Amino acid sequence: MRKTHPLIKIINHSFIDLPTPSNISSWWNFGSLLGICLMVQIVTGLFLAMHYTSDTATAFSSVTHICRDVNYGWLIRYLHANGASMFFICLFIHVG
């Protein structure tokens, strides 16, 4: 069926029977996850930087402001923190 149906035949040649070198394995898919993690880091970092103040007297207050007063600020902060961990996990798996 996958070699006779016209639509499935295109998908078969693109994904299943794709001629790739033998040293490229499924672990290389973490490269695309790296790109997604990097974009999430950049976007959430920009949103966090809009509300953060780096003054030593008000830095903690600005983080509290982000978590309490900004719409979904707590989610943006946690996505940014956990995205950094996920980025390095994907990096180590992709390189290793």
C-alpha atoms as a PDB file:
ATOM      1  CA  MET A   1       0.000   0.000   0.000  1.00  0.00           C
ATOM      2  CA  ARG A   2       2.742   2.476   0.859  1.00  0.00           C
ATOM      3  CA  LYS A   3       4.458   1.948  -2.505  1.00  0.00           C
ATOM      4  CA  THR A   4       1.330   1.992  -4.679  1.00  0.00           C
ATOM      5  CA  HIS A   5      -0.917   4.757  -3.308  1.00  0.00           C
ATOM      6  CA  PRO A   6       0.187   8.106  -4.867  1.00  0.00           C
ATOM      7  CA  LEU A   7      -0.072  10.244  -1.717  1.00  0.00           C
ATOM      8  CA  ILE A   8       1.461   7.674   0.614  1.00  0.00           C
ATOM      9  CA  LYS A   9       4.184   7.030  -1.996  1.00  0.00           C
ATOM     10  CA  ILE A  10       5.344  10.662  -1.698  1.00  0.00           C
ATOM     11  CA  ILE A  11       5.476  10.404   2.093  1.00  0.00           C
ATOM     12  CA  ASN A  12       7.269   7.065   1.806  1.00  0.00           C
ATOM     13  CA  HIS A  13      10.011   8.510  -0.403  1.00  0.00           C
ATOM     14  CA  SER A  14      10.335  11.619   1.781  1.00  0.00           C
ATOM     15  CA  PHE A  15      10.463  10.072   5.248  1.00  0.00           C
ATOM     16  CA  ILE A  16      10.710   6.279   5.278  1.00  0.00           C
ATOM     17  CA  ASP A  17      12.991   5.448   2.348  1.00  0.00           C
ATOM     18  CA  LEU A  18      14.980   8.681   2.560  1.00  0.00           C
ATOM     19  CA  PRO A  19      18.547   8.068   1.380  1.00  0.00           C
ATOM     20  CA  THR A  20      20.650   9.337   4.282  1.00  0.00           C
ATOM     21  CA  PRO A  21      24.124   8.428   5.495  1.00  0.00           C
ATOM     22  CA  SER A  22      24.297   5.627   8.034  1.00  0.00           C
ATOM     23  CA  ASN A  23      25.914   7.833  10.690  1.00  0.00           C
ATOM     24  CA  ILE A  24      22.785  10.019  10.956  1.00  0.00           C
ATOM     25  CA  SER A  25      20.430   8.412  13.453  1.00  0.00           C
ATOM     26  CA  SER A  26      17.177   9.403  15.091  1.00  0.00           C
ATOM     27  CA  TRP A  27      19.150  11.162  17.833  1.00  0.00           C
ATOM     28  CA  TRP A  28      19.854  13.920  15.326  1.00  0.00           C
ATOM     29  CA  ASN A  29      16.185  14.925  15.629  1.00  0.00           C
ATOM     30  CA  PHE A  30      17.168  16.685  18.815  1.00  0.00           C
ATOM     31  CA  GLY A  31      18.711  19.338  16.560  1.00  0.00           C
ATOM     32  CA  SER A  32      15.248  20.579  15.616  1.00  0.00           C
ATOM     33  CA  LEU A  33      14.289  20.558  19.299  1.00  0.00           C
ATOM     34  CA  LEU A  34      17.368  22.700  19.914  1.00  0.00           C
ATOM     35  CA  GLY A  35      16.031  25.275  17.486  1.00  0.00           C
ATOM     36  CA  ILE A  36      12.621  25.283  19.154  1.00  0.00           C
ATOM     37  CA  CYS A  37      14.179  25.603  22.617  1.00  0.00           C
ATOM     38  CA  LEU A  38      16.377  28.459  21.420  1.00  0.00           C
ATOM     39  CA  MET A  39      13.424  30.350  19.959  1.00  0.00           C
ATOM     40  CA  VAL A  40      11.424  29.855  23.178  1.00  0.00           C
ATOM     41  CA  GLN A  41      14.393  31.156  25.172  1.00  0.00           C
ATOM     42  CA  ILE A  42      14.722  34.253  23.004  1.00  0.00           C
ATOM     43  CA  VAL A  43      11.002  35.081  23.033  1.00  0.00           C
ATOM     44  CA  THR A  44      10.494  34.510  26.764  1.00  0.00           C
ATOM     45  CA  GLY A  45      13.734  36.328  27.536  1.00  0.00           C
ATOM     46  CA  LEU A  46      12.541  39.385  25.632  1.00  0.00           C
ATOM     47  CA  PHE A  47       9.218  39.381  27.478  1.00  0.00           C
ATOM     48  CA  LEU A  48      10.965  38.995  30.832  1.00  0.00           C
ATOM     49  CA  ALA A  49      13.431  41.769  29.990  1.00  0.00           C
ATOM     50  CA  MET A  50      10.540  44.160  29.378  1.00  0.00           C
ATOM     51  CA  HIS A  51       9.545  43.986  33.055  1.00  0.00           C
ATOM     52  CA  TYR A  52      12.843  43.264  34.828  1.00  0.00           C
ATOM     53  CA  THR A  53      14.960  45.930  36.528  1.00  0.00           C
ATOM     54  CA  SER A  54      18.569  45.123  37.321  1.00  0.00           C
ATOM     55  CA  ASP A  55      18.943  47.578  40.183  1.00  0.00           C
ATOM     56  CA  THR A  56      20.015  45.749  43.350  1.00  0.00           C
ATOM     57  CA  ALA A  57      17.315  47.407  45.425  1.00  0.00           C
ATOM     58  CA  THR A  58      14.392  46.562  43.132  1.00  0.00           C
ATOM     59  CA  ALA A  59      15.443  43.341  41.355  1.00  0.00           C
ATOM     60  CA  PHE A  60      13.493  41.033  43.656  1.00  0.00           C
ATOM     61  CA  SER A  61      10.483  43.333  43.493  1.00  0.00           C
ATOM     62  CA  SER A  62      10.541  43.218  39.704  1.00  0.00           C
ATOM     63  CA  VAL A  63      10.583  39.395  39.727  1.00  0.00           C
ATOM     64  CA  THR A  64       7.666  39.449  42.154  1.00  0.00           C
ATOM     65  CA  HIS A  65       5.907  41.940  39.857  1.00  0.00           C
ATOM     66  CA  ILE A  66       6.436  39.616  36.880  1.00  0.00           C
ATOM     67  CA  CYS A  67       4.973  36.633  38.736  1.00  0.00           C
ATOM     68  CA  ARG A  68       2.000  38.449  40.270  1.00  0.00           C
ATOM     69  CA  ASP A  69       0.979  41.379  38.081  1.00  0.00           C
ATOM     70  CA  VAL A  70       1.988  40.504  34.509  1.00  0.00           C
ATOM     71  CA  ASN A  71      -0.508  38.372  32.575  1.00  0.00           C
ATOM     72  CA  TYR A  72       0.917  34.837  32.551  1.00  0.00           C
ATOM     73  CA  GLY A  73       4.200  36.206  33.883  1.00  0.00           C
ATOM     74  CA  TRP A  74       4.649  33.169  36.096  1.00  0.00           C
ATOM     75  CA  LEU A  75       4.289  30.926  33.029  1.00  0.00           C
ATOM     76  CA  ILE A  76       6.791  32.958  31.009  1.00  0.00           C
ATOM     77  CA  ARG A  77       9.276  32.824  33.878  1.00  0.00           C
ATOM     78  CA  TYR A  78       8.936  29.053  34.310  1.00  0.00           C
ATOM     79  CA  LEU A  79       9.113  28.436  30.557  1.00  0.00           C
ATOM     80  CA  HIS A  80      12.316  30.449  30.442  1.00  0.00           C
ATOM     81  CA  ALA A  81      13.870  28.629  33.400  1.00  0.00           C
ATOM     82  CA  ASN A  82      12.898  25.124  32.294  1.00  0.00           C
ATOM     83  CA  GLY A  83      13.621  25.914  28.650  1.00  0.00           C
ATOM     84  CA  ALA A  84      17.251  26.526  29.524  1.00  0.00           C
ATOM     85  CA  SER A  85      17.508  23.099  31.132  1.00  0.00           C
ATOM     86  CA  MET A  86      15.768  21.473  28.181  1.00  0.00           C
ATOM     87  CA  PHE A  87      18.088  23.301  25.783  1.00  0.00           C
ATOM     88  CA  PHE A  88      21.190  21.829  27.394  1.00  0.00           C
ATOM     89  CA  ILE A  89      19.666  18.345  27.613  1.00  0.00           C
ATOM     90  CA  CYS A  90      18.865  18.475  23.888  1.00  0.00           C
ATOM     91  CA  LEU A  91      22.331  19.857  23.171  1.00  0.00           C
ATOM     92  CA  PHE A  92      24.095  17.034  25.000  1.00  0.00           C
ATOM     93  CA  ILE A  93      21.931  14.369  23.353  1.00  0.00           C
ATOM     94  CA  HIS A  94      22.337  15.937  19.907  1.00  0.00           C
ATOM     95  CA  VAL A  95      26.121  16.235  20.148  1.00  0.00           C
ATOM     96  CA  GLY A  96      26.657  12.913  21.930  1.00  0.00           C
END
